[in-house]
């Protein structure tokens, strides 16, 4: 699972209401996959969709203890240039997941490490979910291109949660919230 970085969505605080909606969409997708027998969620460490995926999965583990989450880093010392809060969040998530490792044991030195990471993720997963809208380009576009190329040679389903789906999720979420308020009054 991957998708936009938080800054690509104009999200700079964890309390941003957009985070709630994105997490709800991720939760719905994971729950559907749990019903289909998925028991591992594998994602990366990026600020944004990847870290929100870990948070959602850790929360779902309360109801689905068989669910596991893996956090794969592209290279050694990933995130070391981040501010202290972001480094702390990454450390907390790394310690909370069921499995964490790095694809390259070397610190960043070449774009090839990112390509190797991308290929590793494709080869070690059964499908991809991207929170990505092709009409609104961003870094996940590289992952989508790589996944599409991989899928030409392998059975590899690719799902997208685009902005229209996020809007539908938001509409449903706020409708449920309003219904609860009505029922409570």
N, C-alpha and C. Protein backbone atom coordinates (compact mmCIF):
# COMPACT_ATOMS: atom_id res chain seq x y z
N UNK A 1 0.85 -1.17 0.00
CA UNK A 1 0.00 0.00 0.00
C UNK A 1 0.89 1.23 0.00
N UNK A 2 0.52 2.17 -0.84
CA UNK A 2 1.28 3.40 -0.94
C UNK A 2 0.33 4.50 -1.41
N UNK A 3 0.89 5.65 -1.62
CA UNK A 3 0.08 6.76 -2.10
C UNK A 3 0.79 8.07 -1.87
N UNK A 4 -0.01 9.11 -1.89
CA UNK A 4 0.53 10.46 -1.77
C UNK A 4 1.27 10.67 -0.46
N UNK A 5 2.31 11.50 -0.53
CA UNK A 5 2.95 12.00 0.69
C UNK A 5 2.02 13.06 1.26
N UNK A 6 2.08 13.27 2.54
CA UNK A 6 1.17 14.23 3.17
C UNK A 6 1.27 15.62 2.55
N UNK A 7 2.48 16.08 2.26
CA UNK A 7 2.64 17.43 1.69
C UNK A 7 2.02 17.54 0.30
N UNK A 8 1.94 16.41 -0.45
CA UNK A 8 1.34 16.45 -1.78
C UNK A 8 -0.16 16.71 -1.69
N UNK A 9 -0.74 16.43 -0.53
CA UNK A 9 -2.17 16.65 -0.31
C UNK A 9 -2.42 17.92 0.50
N UNK A 10 -1.36 18.67 0.77
CA UNK A 10 -1.50 19.89 1.57
C UNK A 10 -1.84 19.59 3.02
N UNK A 11 -1.40 18.45 3.51
CA UNK A 11 -1.66 18.05 4.89
C UNK A 11 -0.36 18.21 5.68
N UNK A 12 -0.42 19.06 6.70
CA UNK A 12 0.78 19.33 7.48
C UNK A 12 0.57 19.08 8.98
N UNK A 13 -0.63 18.61 9.34
CA UNK A 13 -0.93 18.29 10.74
C UNK A 13 -1.75 17.00 10.78
N UNK A 14 -1.49 16.18 11.77
CA UNK A 14 -2.19 14.90 11.88
C UNK A 14 -3.68 15.08 12.16
N UNK A 15 -4.08 16.23 12.66
CA UNK A 15 -5.48 16.48 12.98
C UNK A 15 -6.27 17.02 11.79
N UNK A 16 -5.64 17.14 10.64
CA UNK A 16 -6.33 17.63 9.44
C UNK A 16 -7.49 16.68 9.13
N UNK A 17 -8.71 17.20 8.90
CA UNK A 17 -9.86 16.34 8.62
C UNK A 17 -9.66 15.43 7.39
N UNK A 18 -8.81 15.83 6.46
CA UNK A 18 -8.56 14.99 5.29
C UNK A 18 -7.93 13.65 5.70
N UNK A 19 -7.14 13.67 6.77
CA UNK A 19 -6.49 12.44 7.25
C UNK A 19 -7.56 11.44 7.70
N UNK A 20 -8.59 11.92 8.38
CA UNK A 20 -9.67 11.05 8.84
C UNK A 20 -10.33 10.34 7.66
N UNK A 21 -10.58 11.07 6.60
CA UNK A 21 -11.25 10.49 5.42
C UNK A 21 -10.34 9.50 4.71
N UNK A 22 -9.08 9.86 4.54
CA UNK A 22 -8.14 8.95 3.87
C UNK A 22 -8.00 7.67 4.69
N UNK A 23 -7.89 7.80 6.00
CA UNK A 23 -7.79 6.61 6.86
C UNK A 23 -9.06 5.76 6.76
N UNK A 24 -10.20 6.39 6.67
CA UNK A 24 -11.47 5.66 6.54
C UNK A 24 -11.47 4.86 5.23
N UNK A 25 -11.01 5.47 4.14
CA UNK A 25 -10.95 4.78 2.84
C UNK A 25 -9.97 3.60 2.91
N UNK A 26 -8.84 3.81 3.54
CA UNK A 26 -7.85 2.74 3.70
C UNK A 26 -8.44 1.61 4.54
N UNK A 27 -9.13 1.97 5.61
CA UNK A 27 -9.76 0.98 6.49
C UNK A 27 -10.77 0.13 5.72
N UNK A 28 -11.61 0.79 4.91
CA UNK A 28 -12.60 0.05 4.14
C UNK A 28 -11.92 -0.93 3.18
N UNK A 29 -10.85 -0.49 2.54
CA UNK A 29 -10.14 -1.36 1.60
C UNK A 29 -9.54 -2.56 2.34
N UNK A 30 -8.87 -2.30 3.46
CA UNK A 30 -8.24 -3.40 4.21
C UNK A 30 -9.31 -4.37 4.71
N UNK A 31 -10.42 -3.86 5.21
CA UNK A 31 -11.49 -4.75 5.70
C UNK A 31 -12.02 -5.64 4.58
N UNK A 32 -12.17 -5.10 3.38
CA UNK A 32 -12.59 -5.93 2.24
C UNK A 32 -11.57 -7.02 1.98
N UNK A 33 -10.30 -6.68 2.07
CA UNK A 33 -9.25 -7.66 1.80
C UNK A 33 -9.15 -8.70 2.91
N UNK A 34 -9.43 -8.31 4.13
CA UNK A 34 -9.46 -9.27 5.23
C UNK A 34 -10.54 -10.31 4.96
N UNK A 35 -11.70 -9.85 4.49
CA UNK A 35 -12.78 -10.77 4.12
C UNK A 35 -12.36 -11.73 3.02
N UNK A 36 -11.41 -11.29 2.18
CA UNK A 36 -10.90 -12.14 1.09
C UNK A 36 -9.73 -13.02 1.53
N UNK A 37 -9.33 -12.90 2.81
CA UNK A 37 -8.27 -13.76 3.32
C UNK A 37 -6.91 -13.12 3.48
N UNK A 38 -6.79 -11.85 3.20
CA UNK A 38 -5.50 -11.17 3.37
C UNK A 38 -5.16 -11.12 4.86
N UNK A 39 -3.91 -11.46 5.18
CA UNK A 39 -3.50 -11.38 6.58
C UNK A 39 -2.23 -10.55 6.79
N UNK A 40 -1.61 -10.08 5.72
CA UNK A 40 -0.45 -9.20 5.83
C UNK A 40 -0.68 -7.94 5.00
N UNK A 41 -0.38 -6.79 5.59
CA UNK A 41 -0.36 -5.51 4.90
C UNK A 41 1.10 -5.07 4.90
N UNK A 42 1.61 -4.76 3.73
CA UNK A 42 3.01 -4.34 3.59
C UNK A 42 3.03 -2.94 3.00
N UNK A 43 3.77 -2.06 3.65
CA UNK A 43 3.86 -0.69 3.19
C UNK A 43 5.23 -0.13 3.51
N UNK A 44 5.42 1.12 3.16
CA UNK A 44 6.69 1.79 3.39
C UNK A 44 6.59 2.82 4.51
N UNK A 45 7.64 3.63 4.66
CA UNK A 45 7.74 4.55 5.79
C UNK A 45 7.36 5.99 5.49
N UNK A 46 6.94 6.29 4.27
CA UNK A 46 6.74 7.68 3.88
C UNK A 46 5.67 8.37 4.71
N UNK A 47 5.90 9.66 4.99
CA UNK A 47 4.89 10.50 5.64
C UNK A 47 3.69 10.57 4.71
N UNK A 48 2.51 10.31 5.25
CA UNK A 48 1.31 10.34 4.42
C UNK A 48 0.66 8.98 4.39
N UNK A 49 0.21 8.56 3.23
CA UNK A 49 -0.59 7.34 3.08
C UNK A 49 0.09 6.12 3.70
N UNK A 50 1.40 5.98 3.52
CA UNK A 50 2.06 4.79 4.04
C UNK A 50 2.00 4.74 5.57
N UNK A 51 2.31 5.83 6.22
CA UNK A 51 2.24 5.82 7.69
C UNK A 51 0.79 5.73 8.17
N UNK A 52 -0.14 6.35 7.45
CA UNK A 52 -1.55 6.24 7.85
C UNK A 52 -2.04 4.81 7.70
N UNK A 53 -1.53 4.11 6.70
CA UNK A 53 -1.87 2.70 6.50
C UNK A 53 -1.43 1.88 7.72
N UNK A 54 -0.23 2.15 8.20
CA UNK A 54 0.25 1.43 9.39
C UNK A 54 -0.66 1.73 10.58
N UNK A 55 -1.00 2.98 10.79
CA UNK A 55 -1.86 3.36 11.92
C UNK A 55 -3.22 2.66 11.83
N UNK A 56 -3.81 2.65 10.64
CA UNK A 56 -5.10 2.00 10.44
C UNK A 56 -4.98 0.50 10.71
N UNK A 57 -3.95 -0.13 10.18
CA UNK A 57 -3.77 -1.57 10.35
C UNK A 57 -3.56 -1.92 11.82
N UNK A 58 -2.77 -1.13 12.52
CA UNK A 58 -2.55 -1.39 13.95
C UNK A 58 -3.87 -1.28 14.72
N UNK A 59 -4.71 -0.35 14.34
CA UNK A 59 -6.02 -0.20 14.98
C UNK A 59 -6.91 -1.41 14.65
N UNK A 60 -6.89 -1.86 13.40
CA UNK A 60 -7.71 -3.00 12.99
C UNK A 60 -7.29 -4.30 13.67
N UNK A 61 -6.03 -4.39 14.07
CA UNK A 61 -5.53 -5.60 14.72
C UNK A 61 -6.30 -5.90 16.02
N UNK A 62 -6.92 -4.89 16.60
CA UNK A 62 -7.72 -5.10 17.82
C UNK A 62 -8.90 -6.02 17.52
N UNK A 63 -9.50 -5.86 16.35
CA UNK A 63 -10.63 -6.70 15.95
C UNK A 63 -10.21 -7.91 15.11
N UNK A 64 -9.05 -7.80 14.50
CA UNK A 64 -8.54 -8.87 13.64
C UNK A 64 -7.10 -9.22 14.06
N UNK A 65 -6.96 -9.93 15.17
CA UNK A 65 -5.61 -10.19 15.70
C UNK A 65 -4.71 -10.98 14.75
N UNK A 66 -5.30 -11.66 13.78
CA UNK A 66 -4.49 -12.41 12.81
C UNK A 66 -3.84 -11.49 11.77
N UNK A 67 -4.30 -10.25 11.69
CA UNK A 67 -3.77 -9.28 10.73
C UNK A 67 -2.37 -8.84 11.16
N UNK A 68 -1.47 -8.80 10.19
CA UNK A 68 -0.09 -8.39 10.45
C UNK A 68 0.26 -7.24 9.52
N UNK A 69 1.22 -6.43 9.97
CA UNK A 69 1.67 -5.30 9.15
C UNK A 69 3.20 -5.28 9.13
N UNK A 70 3.72 -5.07 7.92
CA UNK A 70 5.16 -4.96 7.73
C UNK A 70 5.50 -3.57 7.21
N UNK A 71 6.58 -3.03 7.73
CA UNK A 71 7.09 -1.72 7.32
C UNK A 71 8.46 -1.94 6.69
N UNK A 72 8.55 -1.68 5.40
CA UNK A 72 9.80 -1.87 4.68
C UNK A 72 10.43 -0.52 4.34
N UNK A 73 11.67 -0.35 4.76
CA UNK A 73 12.41 0.87 4.48
C UNK A 73 13.24 0.68 3.21
N UNK A 74 13.37 1.69 2.38
CA UNK A 74 14.14 1.51 1.16
C UNK A 74 15.65 1.40 1.40
N UNK A 75 16.15 2.07 2.45
CA UNK A 75 17.59 2.07 2.71
C UNK A 75 17.83 2.40 4.18
N UNK A 76 19.09 2.18 4.61
CA UNK A 76 19.47 2.45 6.00
C UNK A 76 19.37 3.95 6.31
N UNK A 77 19.01 4.24 7.52
CA UNK A 77 18.90 5.62 8.01
C UNK A 77 17.80 6.41 7.31
N UNK A 78 16.80 5.72 6.75
CA UNK A 78 15.70 6.42 6.09
C UNK A 78 15.03 7.33 7.12
N UNK A 79 14.74 8.55 6.73
CA UNK A 79 14.06 9.51 7.60
C UNK A 79 14.97 10.27 8.53
N UNK A 80 16.27 10.01 8.51
CA UNK A 80 17.18 10.67 9.45
C UNK A 80 17.27 12.17 9.22
N UNK A 81 16.87 12.63 8.03
CA UNK A 81 16.90 14.06 7.75
C UNK A 81 15.59 14.76 8.16
N UNK A 82 14.62 13.99 8.61
CA UNK A 82 13.33 14.55 9.02
C UNK A 82 13.47 15.29 10.34
N UNK A 83 12.45 16.12 10.63
CA UNK A 83 12.46 16.80 11.92
C UNK A 83 12.22 15.79 13.04
N UNK A 84 12.47 16.22 14.25
CA UNK A 84 12.43 15.32 15.40
C UNK A 84 11.07 14.63 15.58
N UNK A 85 9.98 15.37 15.39
CA UNK A 85 8.65 14.79 15.54
C UNK A 85 8.41 13.67 14.52
N UNK A 86 8.78 13.93 13.28
CA UNK A 86 8.57 12.92 12.23
C UNK A 86 9.47 11.70 12.45
N UNK A 87 10.69 11.93 12.91
CA UNK A 87 11.58 10.81 13.23
C UNK A 87 11.01 9.98 14.37
N UNK A 88 10.45 10.66 15.36
CA UNK A 88 9.86 9.97 16.51
C UNK A 88 8.66 9.13 16.09
N UNK A 89 7.81 9.69 15.23
CA UNK A 89 6.65 8.95 14.74
C UNK A 89 7.10 7.71 13.98
N UNK A 90 8.10 7.85 13.12
CA UNK A 90 8.60 6.70 12.37
C UNK A 90 9.16 5.64 13.32
N UNK A 91 9.89 6.06 14.34
CA UNK A 91 10.44 5.10 15.31
C UNK A 91 9.32 4.37 16.05
N UNK A 92 8.27 5.09 16.44
CA UNK A 92 7.14 4.47 17.13
C UNK A 92 6.45 3.45 16.23
N UNK A 93 6.22 3.81 14.98
CA UNK A 93 5.56 2.90 14.05
C UNK A 93 6.43 1.67 13.80
N UNK A 94 7.72 1.89 13.64
CA UNK A 94 8.65 0.79 13.39
C UNK A 94 8.62 -0.21 14.55
N UNK A 95 8.53 0.29 15.76
CA UNK A 95 8.51 -0.62 16.91
C UNK A 95 7.15 -1.28 17.10
N UNK A 96 6.10 -0.73 16.51
CA UNK A 96 4.75 -1.28 16.71
C UNK A 96 4.35 -2.33 15.67
N UNK A 97 5.02 -2.34 14.51
CA UNK A 97 4.63 -3.28 13.45
C UNK A 97 5.12 -4.68 13.77
N UNK A 98 4.58 -5.65 13.02
CA UNK A 98 4.95 -7.05 13.21
C UNK A 98 6.30 -7.38 12.59
N UNK A 99 6.67 -6.65 11.56
CA UNK A 99 7.95 -6.89 10.89
C UNK A 99 8.43 -5.59 10.28
N UNK A 100 9.72 -5.34 10.39
CA UNK A 100 10.33 -4.17 9.76
C UNK A 100 11.75 -4.52 9.35
N UNK A 101 12.13 -4.05 8.18
CA UNK A 101 13.48 -4.26 7.70
C UNK A 101 13.74 -3.21 6.61
N UNK A 102 14.96 -3.20 6.13
CA UNK A 102 15.34 -2.29 5.05
C UNK A 102 15.80 -3.11 3.86
N UNK A 103 15.46 -2.64 2.67
CA UNK A 103 15.81 -3.36 1.45
C UNK A 103 17.31 -3.24 1.18
N UNK A 104 17.86 -2.06 1.43
CA UNK A 104 19.30 -1.84 1.27
C UNK A 104 19.90 -1.53 2.63
N UNK A 105 21.02 -2.18 2.94
CA UNK A 105 21.71 -1.93 4.21
C UNK A 105 22.58 -0.69 4.15
N UNK A 106 22.74 -0.11 2.98
CA UNK A 106 23.54 1.11 2.82
C UNK A 106 22.64 2.34 2.99
N UNK A 107 23.22 3.44 3.45
CA UNK A 107 22.49 4.70 3.46
C UNK A 107 22.26 5.14 2.03
N UNK A 108 21.36 6.11 1.85
CA UNK A 108 21.04 6.54 0.48
C UNK A 108 22.28 7.03 -0.24
N UNK A 109 22.48 6.52 -1.46
CA UNK A 109 23.60 6.98 -2.28
C UNK A 109 23.26 6.98 -3.76
N UNK A 110 22.08 6.44 -4.13
CA UNK A 110 21.77 6.34 -5.55
C UNK A 110 20.27 6.15 -5.76
N UNK A 111 19.73 6.76 -6.82
CA UNK A 111 18.32 6.52 -7.15
C UNK A 111 18.03 5.03 -7.43
N UNK A 112 19.05 4.28 -7.77
CA UNK A 112 18.87 2.85 -8.03
C UNK A 112 18.33 2.14 -6.78
N UNK A 113 18.67 2.63 -5.59
CA UNK A 113 18.15 2.03 -4.37
C UNK A 113 16.63 2.14 -4.32
N UNK A 114 16.10 3.25 -4.79
CA UNK A 114 14.65 3.43 -4.80
C UNK A 114 14.00 2.51 -5.83
N UNK A 115 14.63 2.33 -6.97
CA UNK A 115 14.12 1.39 -7.97
C UNK A 115 14.17 -0.04 -7.44
N UNK A 116 15.27 -0.38 -6.76
CA UNK A 116 15.38 -1.71 -6.16
C UNK A 116 14.29 -1.93 -5.11
N UNK A 117 14.02 -0.90 -4.32
CA UNK A 117 12.96 -0.96 -3.31
C UNK A 117 11.61 -1.20 -3.98
N UNK A 118 11.35 -0.44 -5.03
CA UNK A 118 10.09 -0.58 -5.78
C UNK A 118 9.94 -2.01 -6.30
N UNK A 119 11.00 -2.55 -6.88
CA UNK A 119 10.95 -3.92 -7.41
C UNK A 119 10.79 -4.94 -6.29
N UNK A 120 11.43 -4.71 -5.17
CA UNK A 120 11.29 -5.60 -4.02
C UNK A 120 9.83 -5.64 -3.56
N UNK A 121 9.22 -4.47 -3.45
CA UNK A 121 7.83 -4.39 -2.98
C UNK A 121 6.90 -5.10 -3.96
N UNK A 122 7.11 -4.94 -5.24
CA UNK A 122 6.27 -5.61 -6.23
C UNK A 122 6.44 -7.13 -6.15
N UNK A 123 7.67 -7.58 -6.01
CA UNK A 123 7.95 -9.02 -6.01
C UNK A 123 7.49 -9.71 -4.72
N UNK A 124 7.30 -8.94 -3.66
CA UNK A 124 6.95 -9.54 -2.37
C UNK A 124 5.53 -9.20 -1.91
N UNK A 125 4.70 -8.79 -2.85
CA UNK A 125 3.30 -8.52 -2.54
C UNK A 125 2.42 -9.18 -3.61
N UNK A 126 1.15 -9.37 -3.28
CA UNK A 126 0.21 -10.02 -4.20
C UNK A 126 -0.64 -9.03 -4.98
N UNK A 127 -0.70 -7.80 -4.51
CA UNK A 127 -1.46 -6.77 -5.19
C UNK A 127 -1.04 -5.42 -4.64
N UNK A 128 -1.48 -4.36 -5.31
CA UNK A 128 -1.13 -3.01 -4.88
C UNK A 128 -2.39 -2.18 -4.70
N UNK A 129 -2.37 -1.35 -3.66
CA UNK A 129 -3.37 -0.30 -3.49
C UNK A 129 -2.61 1.01 -3.41
N UNK A 130 -3.03 1.95 -4.23
CA UNK A 130 -2.46 3.29 -4.18
C UNK A 130 -3.58 4.28 -3.94
N UNK A 131 -3.38 5.17 -2.98
CA UNK A 131 -4.25 6.32 -2.86
C UNK A 131 -3.65 7.33 -3.82
N UNK A 132 -4.26 7.37 -5.01
CA UNK A 132 -3.67 8.16 -6.09
C UNK A 132 -4.72 8.45 -7.15
N UNK A 133 -4.72 9.66 -7.63
CA UNK A 133 -5.61 10.07 -8.71
C UNK A 133 -4.74 10.46 -9.91
N UNK A 134 -4.78 9.67 -10.98
CA UNK A 134 -3.92 9.96 -12.14
C UNK A 134 -4.11 11.37 -12.71
N UNK A 135 -5.24 12.00 -12.42
CA UNK A 135 -5.46 13.37 -12.89
C UNK A 135 -4.74 14.39 -12.02
N UNK A 136 -4.19 13.95 -10.90
CA UNK A 136 -3.47 14.82 -9.97
C UNK A 136 -2.12 14.18 -9.67
N UNK A 137 -1.19 14.41 -10.56
CA UNK A 137 0.09 13.72 -10.52
C UNK A 137 0.83 13.96 -9.21
N UNK A 138 1.66 13.00 -8.88
CA UNK A 138 2.49 13.07 -7.69
C UNK A 138 3.43 11.89 -7.69
N UNK A 139 4.20 11.77 -6.63
CA UNK A 139 5.19 10.69 -6.54
C UNK A 139 4.58 9.30 -6.70
N UNK A 140 3.35 9.04 -6.25
CA UNK A 140 2.80 7.69 -6.45
C UNK A 140 2.64 7.31 -7.92
N UNK A 141 2.70 8.27 -8.82
CA UNK A 141 2.64 7.97 -10.24
C UNK A 141 3.77 7.06 -10.68
N UNK A 142 4.94 7.22 -10.06
CA UNK A 142 6.07 6.33 -10.37
C UNK A 142 5.76 4.90 -9.93
N UNK A 143 5.12 4.77 -8.75
CA UNK A 143 4.75 3.43 -8.27
C UNK A 143 3.69 2.81 -9.17
N UNK A 144 2.73 3.61 -9.63
CA UNK A 144 1.70 3.10 -10.52
C UNK A 144 2.30 2.63 -11.84
N UNK A 145 3.21 3.40 -12.39
CA UNK A 145 3.87 3.00 -13.64
C UNK A 145 4.63 1.69 -13.45
N UNK A 146 5.37 1.59 -12.35
CA UNK A 146 6.14 0.36 -12.08
C UNK A 146 5.19 -0.83 -11.88
N UNK A 147 4.09 -0.62 -11.16
CA UNK A 147 3.13 -1.70 -10.92
C UNK A 147 2.48 -2.14 -12.23
N UNK A 148 2.12 -1.19 -13.07
CA UNK A 148 1.52 -1.54 -14.36
C UNK A 148 2.49 -2.34 -15.22
N UNK A 149 3.75 -1.94 -15.23
CA UNK A 149 4.77 -2.68 -15.98
C UNK A 149 4.93 -4.08 -15.42
N UNK A 150 4.97 -4.20 -14.12
CA UNK A 150 5.09 -5.50 -13.46
C UNK A 150 3.88 -6.38 -13.79
N UNK A 151 2.70 -5.77 -13.77
CA UNK A 151 1.46 -6.51 -14.02
C UNK A 151 1.36 -7.04 -15.46
N UNK A 152 2.14 -6.46 -16.36
CA UNK A 152 2.16 -6.98 -17.73
C UNK A 152 2.78 -8.37 -17.79
N UNK A 153 3.62 -8.71 -16.82
CA UNK A 153 4.33 -9.99 -16.81
C UNK A 153 3.87 -10.93 -15.69
N UNK A 154 3.08 -10.42 -14.75
CA UNK A 154 2.67 -11.20 -13.58
C UNK A 154 1.20 -10.93 -13.27
N UNK A 155 0.52 -11.90 -12.68
CA UNK A 155 -0.84 -11.61 -12.20
C UNK A 155 -0.73 -10.69 -10.99
N UNK A 156 -1.06 -9.44 -11.16
CA UNK A 156 -0.84 -8.45 -10.10
C UNK A 156 -1.93 -7.38 -10.15
N UNK A 157 -3.00 -7.57 -9.37
CA UNK A 157 -4.08 -6.57 -9.35
C UNK A 157 -3.59 -5.24 -8.77
N UNK A 158 -4.09 -4.17 -9.33
CA UNK A 158 -3.76 -2.82 -8.87
C UNK A 158 -5.07 -2.09 -8.62
N UNK A 159 -5.23 -1.57 -7.42
CA UNK A 159 -6.42 -0.79 -7.07
C UNK A 159 -6.00 0.63 -6.75
N UNK A 160 -6.86 1.57 -7.14
CA UNK A 160 -6.63 2.98 -6.84
C UNK A 160 -7.78 3.52 -6.02
N UNK A 161 -7.45 4.32 -5.04
CA UNK A 161 -8.45 5.15 -4.38
C UNK A 161 -8.18 6.56 -4.89
N UNK A 162 -9.07 7.05 -5.77
CA UNK A 162 -8.86 8.37 -6.36
C UNK A 162 -9.66 9.43 -5.60
N UNK A 163 -9.58 10.66 -6.05
CA UNK A 163 -10.24 11.75 -5.34
C UNK A 163 -11.76 11.61 -5.34
N UNK A 164 -12.33 11.05 -6.41
CA UNK A 164 -13.78 10.83 -6.42
C UNK A 164 -14.17 9.83 -5.33
N UNK A 165 -13.39 8.76 -5.17
CA UNK A 165 -13.69 7.78 -4.13
C UNK A 165 -13.50 8.39 -2.74
N UNK A 166 -12.49 9.24 -2.59
CA UNK A 166 -12.30 9.90 -1.30
C UNK A 166 -13.49 10.82 -0.99
N UNK A 167 -14.02 11.48 -2.01
CA UNK A 167 -15.20 12.33 -1.79
C UNK A 167 -16.40 11.49 -1.38
N UNK A 168 -16.58 10.34 -2.04
CA UNK A 168 -17.67 9.43 -1.65
C UNK A 168 -17.49 8.96 -0.21
N UNK A 169 -16.26 8.62 0.15
CA UNK A 169 -15.98 8.19 1.53
C UNK A 169 -16.30 9.31 2.50
N UNK A 170 -15.93 10.54 2.15
CA UNK A 170 -16.22 11.68 3.01
C UNK A 170 -17.72 11.88 3.17
N UNK A 171 -18.46 11.81 2.06
CA UNK A 171 -19.91 11.99 2.12
C UNK A 171 -20.54 10.94 3.03
N UNK A 172 -20.14 9.66 2.85
CA UNK A 172 -20.67 8.58 3.68
C UNK A 172 -20.30 8.75 5.14
N UNK A 173 -19.06 9.14 5.39
CA UNK A 173 -18.56 9.32 6.76
C UNK A 173 -19.36 10.40 7.48
N UNK A 174 -19.52 11.56 6.83
CA UNK A 174 -20.22 12.67 7.48
C UNK A 174 -21.72 12.38 7.60
N UNK A 175 -22.27 11.62 6.68
CA UNK A 175 -23.67 11.20 6.81
C UNK A 175 -23.86 10.32 8.06
N UNK A 176 -22.91 9.38 8.26
CA UNK A 176 -22.97 8.52 9.46
C UNK A 176 -22.81 9.35 10.73
N UNK A 177 -21.91 10.33 10.69
CA UNK A 177 -21.71 11.19 11.86
C UNK A 177 -22.98 11.98 12.18
N UNK A 178 -23.60 12.53 11.15
CA UNK A 178 -24.83 13.29 11.36
C UNK A 178 -25.96 12.39 11.86
N UNK A 179 -26.03 11.16 11.35
CA UNK A 179 -27.05 10.20 11.80
C UNK A 179 -26.85 9.89 13.28
N UNK A 180 -25.60 9.70 13.70
CA UNK A 180 -25.31 9.42 15.12
C UNK A 180 -25.73 10.58 16.00
N UNK A 181 -25.43 11.81 15.55
CA UNK A 181 -25.81 12.99 16.32
C UNK A 181 -27.34 13.06 16.47
N UNK A 182 -28.04 12.75 15.35
CA UNK A 182 -29.49 12.77 15.36
C UNK A 182 -30.04 11.71 16.33
N UNK A 183 -29.45 10.52 16.30
CA UNK A 183 -29.91 9.43 17.17
C UNK A 183 -29.61 9.71 18.63
N UNK A 184 -28.53 10.44 18.89
CA UNK A 184 -28.16 10.76 20.27
C UNK A 184 -28.98 11.88 20.87
N UNK A 185 -29.67 12.66 20.02
CA UNK A 185 -30.43 13.78 20.56
C UNK A 185 -31.87 13.46 20.82
